[in-house]
Amino acid sequence: MEQISYDGRRFRGVSNTANGEVSDQTVFHYRQRGDVVWGTYEGGGIRFGTLVASVDAAGALDMRYAHVNESGRLMTGVCRSTPEMLPDGRLRLHERWQWTSGDRSKGESIVEEVVP
């Protein structure tokens, strides 16, 4: 796969396991400099969140995230996102994550690029 740039891309939740808080109303805004990716996200059950990640040569992200949910609770976790290039040129990220707060459960989600 050609080197992926996440800079300026927007993503929306497509699917998530029941123990996750991201929904189809959650929108992520990514930025990138070199092999560092960061972003913000909000919507659905999430009031505001931030993430930071390192990206490897294949475009996969090793990520840490934190957000405040609609209940006012601060939630944190780790995530490994593996990119898939869709036929229309958008990115789909397959995510395997684990809460580092709360019940420390694991889950899987998919987010897809939103093109304006």
C-alpha atoms as a PDB file:
ATOM      1  CA  MET A   1       0.000   0.000   0.000  1.00  0.00           C
ATOM      2  CA  GLU A   2       1.249   3.497  -0.839  1.00  0.00           C
ATOM      3  CA  GLN A   3       2.149   5.644   2.178  1.00  0.00           C
ATOM      4  CA  ILE A   4      -1.072   6.946   3.718  1.00  0.00           C
ATOM      5  CA  SER A   5      -1.514  10.526   4.844  1.00  0.00           C
ATOM      6  CA  TYR A   6      -4.179  11.034   7.494  1.00  0.00           C
ATOM      7  CA  ASP A   7      -3.747  14.813   7.486  1.00  0.00           C
ATOM      8  CA  GLY A   8      -7.063  16.621   7.057  1.00  0.00           C
ATOM      9  CA  ARG A   9      -9.155  13.450   6.803  1.00  0.00           C
ATOM     10  CA  ARG A  10     -12.500  13.087   8.578  1.00  0.00           C
ATOM     11  CA  PHE A  11     -13.983   9.771   9.712  1.00  0.00           C
ATOM     12  CA  ARG A  12     -17.373   8.671  11.049  1.00  0.00           C
ATOM     13  CA  GLY A  13     -18.226   5.602  13.110  1.00  0.00           C
ATOM     14  CA  VAL A  14     -19.784   2.760  11.074  1.00  0.00           C
ATOM     15  CA  SER A  15     -19.909  -0.115  13.565  1.00  0.00           C
ATOM     16  CA  ASN A  16     -18.875  -0.817  17.138  1.00  0.00           C
ATOM     17  CA  THR A  17     -19.194  -3.516  19.747  1.00  0.00           C
ATOM     18  CA  ALA A  18     -21.807  -2.922  22.458  1.00  0.00           C
ATOM     19  CA  ASN A  19     -19.233  -1.835  25.066  1.00  0.00           C
ATOM     20  CA  GLY A  20     -17.961   1.045  22.886  1.00  0.00           C
ATOM     21  CA  GLU A  21     -19.130   4.654  22.878  1.00  0.00           C
ATOM     22  CA  VAL A  22     -18.434   5.657  19.251  1.00  0.00           C
ATOM     23  CA  SER A  23     -21.550   5.712  17.037  1.00  0.00           C
ATOM     24  CA  ASP A  24     -22.529   6.800  13.542  1.00  0.00           C
ATOM     25  CA  GLN A  25     -22.930  10.279  15.028  1.00  0.00           C
ATOM     26  CA  THR A  26     -19.265  10.456  16.087  1.00  0.00           C
ATOM     27  CA  VAL A  27     -16.968  12.392  13.739  1.00  0.00           C
ATOM     28  CA  PHE A  28     -13.165  12.293  13.929  1.00  0.00           C
ATOM     29  CA  HIS A  29     -10.850  14.997  12.519  1.00  0.00           C
ATOM     30  CA  TYR A  30      -7.282  13.763  11.913  1.00  0.00           C
ATOM     31  CA  ARG A  31      -4.021  15.659  11.446  1.00  0.00           C
ATOM     32  CA  GLN A  32      -0.539  14.313  10.729  1.00  0.00           C
ATOM     33  CA  ARG A  33       3.078  15.415  10.821  1.00  0.00           C
ATOM     34  CA  GLY A  34       5.627  12.768   9.856  1.00  0.00           C
ATOM     35  CA  ASP A  35       4.758   9.549  11.668  1.00  0.00           C
ATOM     36  CA  VAL A  36       2.643  11.310  14.313  1.00  0.00           C
ATOM     37  CA  VAL A  37      -1.146  11.480  13.951  1.00  0.00           C
ATOM     38  CA  TRP A  38      -3.478  13.362  16.276  1.00  0.00           C
ATOM     39  CA  GLY A  39      -7.096  14.328  16.246  1.00  0.00           C
ATOM     40  CA  THR A  40     -10.293  15.312  17.941  1.00  0.00           C
ATOM     41  CA  TYR A  41     -13.692  13.649  17.922  1.00  0.00           C
ATOM     42  CA  GLU A  42     -17.196  14.316  19.164  1.00  0.00           C
ATOM     43  CA  GLY A  43     -20.812  13.443  18.567  1.00  0.00           C
ATOM     44  CA  GLY A  44     -23.288  10.799  19.605  1.00  0.00           C
ATOM     45  CA  GLY A  45     -22.497   9.845  23.192  1.00  0.00           C
ATOM     46  CA  ILE A  46     -19.153  11.680  23.184  1.00  0.00           C
ATOM     47  CA  ARG A  47     -18.971  15.324  24.235  1.00  0.00           C
ATOM     48  CA  PHE A  48     -15.307  15.729  23.227  1.00  0.00           C
ATOM     49  CA  GLY A  49     -12.292  13.509  22.706  1.00  0.00           C
ATOM     50  CA  THR A  50      -8.663  13.605  21.633  1.00  0.00           C
ATOM     51  CA  LEU A  51      -6.305  10.974  20.252  1.00  0.00           C
ATOM     52  CA  VAL A  52      -2.619  10.649  19.478  1.00  0.00           C
ATOM     53  CA  ALA A  53      -0.979   7.881  17.464  1.00  0.00           C
ATOM     54  CA  SER A  54       2.165   6.769  15.711  1.00  0.00           C
ATOM     55  CA  VAL A  55       1.773   5.432  12.175  1.00  0.00           C
ATOM     56  CA  ASP A  56       3.878   2.586  10.781  1.00  0.00           C
ATOM     57  CA  ALA A  57       5.060   2.040   7.185  1.00  0.00           C
ATOM     58  CA  ALA A  58       1.859   0.122   6.343  1.00  0.00           C
ATOM     59  CA  GLY A  59      -0.306   2.985   7.623  1.00  0.00           C
ATOM     60  CA  ALA A  60      -1.496   1.230  10.796  1.00  0.00           C
ATOM     61  CA  LEU A  61      -2.018   3.411  13.853  1.00  0.00           C
ATOM     62  CA  ASP A  62      -0.892   2.656  17.410  1.00  0.00           C
ATOM     63  CA  MET A  63      -3.235   5.000  19.264  1.00  0.00           C
ATOM     64  CA  ARG A  64      -4.127   6.327  22.705  1.00  0.00           C
ATOM     65  CA  TYR A  65      -7.410   8.145  23.209  1.00  0.00           C
ATOM     66  CA  ALA A  66      -9.365  10.004  25.870  1.00  0.00           C
ATOM     67  CA  HIS A  67     -12.834  11.506  25.858  1.00  0.00           C
ATOM     68  CA  VAL A  68     -15.587  12.854  28.062  1.00  0.00           C
ATOM     69  CA  ASN A  69     -18.877  11.077  27.421  1.00  0.00           C
ATOM     70  CA  GLU A  70     -22.411  12.472  27.739  1.00  0.00           C
ATOM     71  CA  SER A  71     -22.514  11.313  31.376  1.00  0.00           C
ATOM     72  CA  GLY A  72     -19.486  13.523  32.117  1.00  0.00           C
ATOM     73  CA  ARG A  73     -17.203  10.545  32.673  1.00  0.00           C
ATOM     74  CA  LEU A  74     -13.592  10.642  31.448  1.00  0.00           C
ATOM     75  CA  MET A  75     -12.836   7.492  29.436  1.00  0.00           C
ATOM     76  CA  THR A  76      -9.406   6.392  28.163  1.00  0.00           C
ATOM     77  CA  GLY A  77      -8.097   3.587  25.999  1.00  0.00           C
ATOM     78  CA  VAL A  78      -5.654   2.111  23.523  1.00  0.00           C
ATOM     79  CA  CYS A  79      -6.380   1.196  19.921  1.00  0.00           C
ATOM     80  CA  ARG A  80      -4.730  -0.467  16.932  1.00  0.00           C
ATOM     81  CA  SER A  81      -6.240   0.786  13.640  1.00  0.00           C
ATOM     82  CA  THR A  82      -5.544  -1.048  10.396  1.00  0.00           C
ATOM     83  CA  PRO A  83      -6.369   0.824   7.180  1.00  0.00           C
ATOM     84  CA  GLU A  84      -8.249  -0.518   4.170  1.00  0.00           C
ATOM     85  CA  MET A  85      -8.446   1.502   0.952  1.00  0.00           C
ATOM     86  CA  LEU A  86     -11.999   1.404  -0.420  1.00  0.00           C
ATOM     87  CA  PRO A  87     -12.639   1.230  -4.198  1.00  0.00           C
ATOM     88  CA  ASP A  88     -13.727   4.892  -4.203  1.00  0.00           C
ATOM     89  CA  GLY A  89     -10.409   6.012  -2.630  1.00  0.00           C
ATOM     90  CA  ARG A  90     -11.726   6.566   0.903  1.00  0.00           C
ATOM     91  CA  LEU A  91     -10.128   4.938   3.931  1.00  0.00           C
ATOM     92  CA  ARG A  92     -11.822   2.444   6.249  1.00  0.00           C
ATOM     93  CA  LEU A  93     -10.126   1.801   9.593  1.00  0.00           C
ATOM     94  CA  HIS A  94     -10.568  -1.549  11.326  1.00  0.00           C
ATOM     95  CA  GLU A  95     -10.007  -0.908  15.016  1.00  0.00           C
ATOM     96  CA  ARG A  96      -9.216  -3.252  17.895  1.00  0.00           C
ATOM     97  CA  TRP A  97      -9.330  -1.363  21.166  1.00  0.00           C
ATOM     98  CA  GLN A  98      -9.342  -1.716  24.941  1.00  0.00           C
ATOM     99  CA  TRP A  99     -10.519   0.629  27.643  1.00  0.00           C
ATOM    100  CA  THR A 100      -7.788   1.616  30.125  1.00  0.00           C
ATOM    101  CA  SER A 101     -10.502   3.041  32.382  1.00  0.00           C
ATOM    102  CA  GLY A 102     -13.808   1.606  33.559  1.00  0.00           C
ATOM    103  CA  ASP A 103     -14.159  -2.126  33.056  1.00  0.00           C
ATOM    104  CA  ARG A 104     -11.022  -2.424  30.829  1.00  0.00           C
ATOM    105  CA  SER A 105     -13.010  -4.458  28.320  1.00  0.00           C
ATOM    106  CA  LYS A 106     -11.968  -4.956  24.688  1.00  0.00           C
ATOM    107  CA  GLY A 107     -13.867  -4.283  21.502  1.00  0.00           C
ATOM    108  CA  GLU A 108     -13.766  -3.723  17.765  1.00  0.00           C
ATOM    109  CA  SER A 109     -15.046  -0.901  15.628  1.00  0.00           C
ATOM    110  CA  ILE A 110     -14.954   0.403  12.075  1.00  0.00           C
ATOM    111  CA  VAL A 111     -14.741   4.038  11.043  1.00  0.00           C
ATOM    112  CA  GLU A 112     -14.893   5.274   7.443  1.00  0.00           C
ATOM    113  CA  GLU A 113     -13.654   8.430   5.817  1.00  0.00           C
ATOM    114  CA  VAL A 114     -16.234  11.118   5.179  1.00  0.00           C
ATOM    115  CA  VAL A 115     -15.671  13.110   2.008  1.00  0.00           C
ATOM    116  CA  PRO A 116     -17.177  16.615   1.950  1.00  0.00           C
END
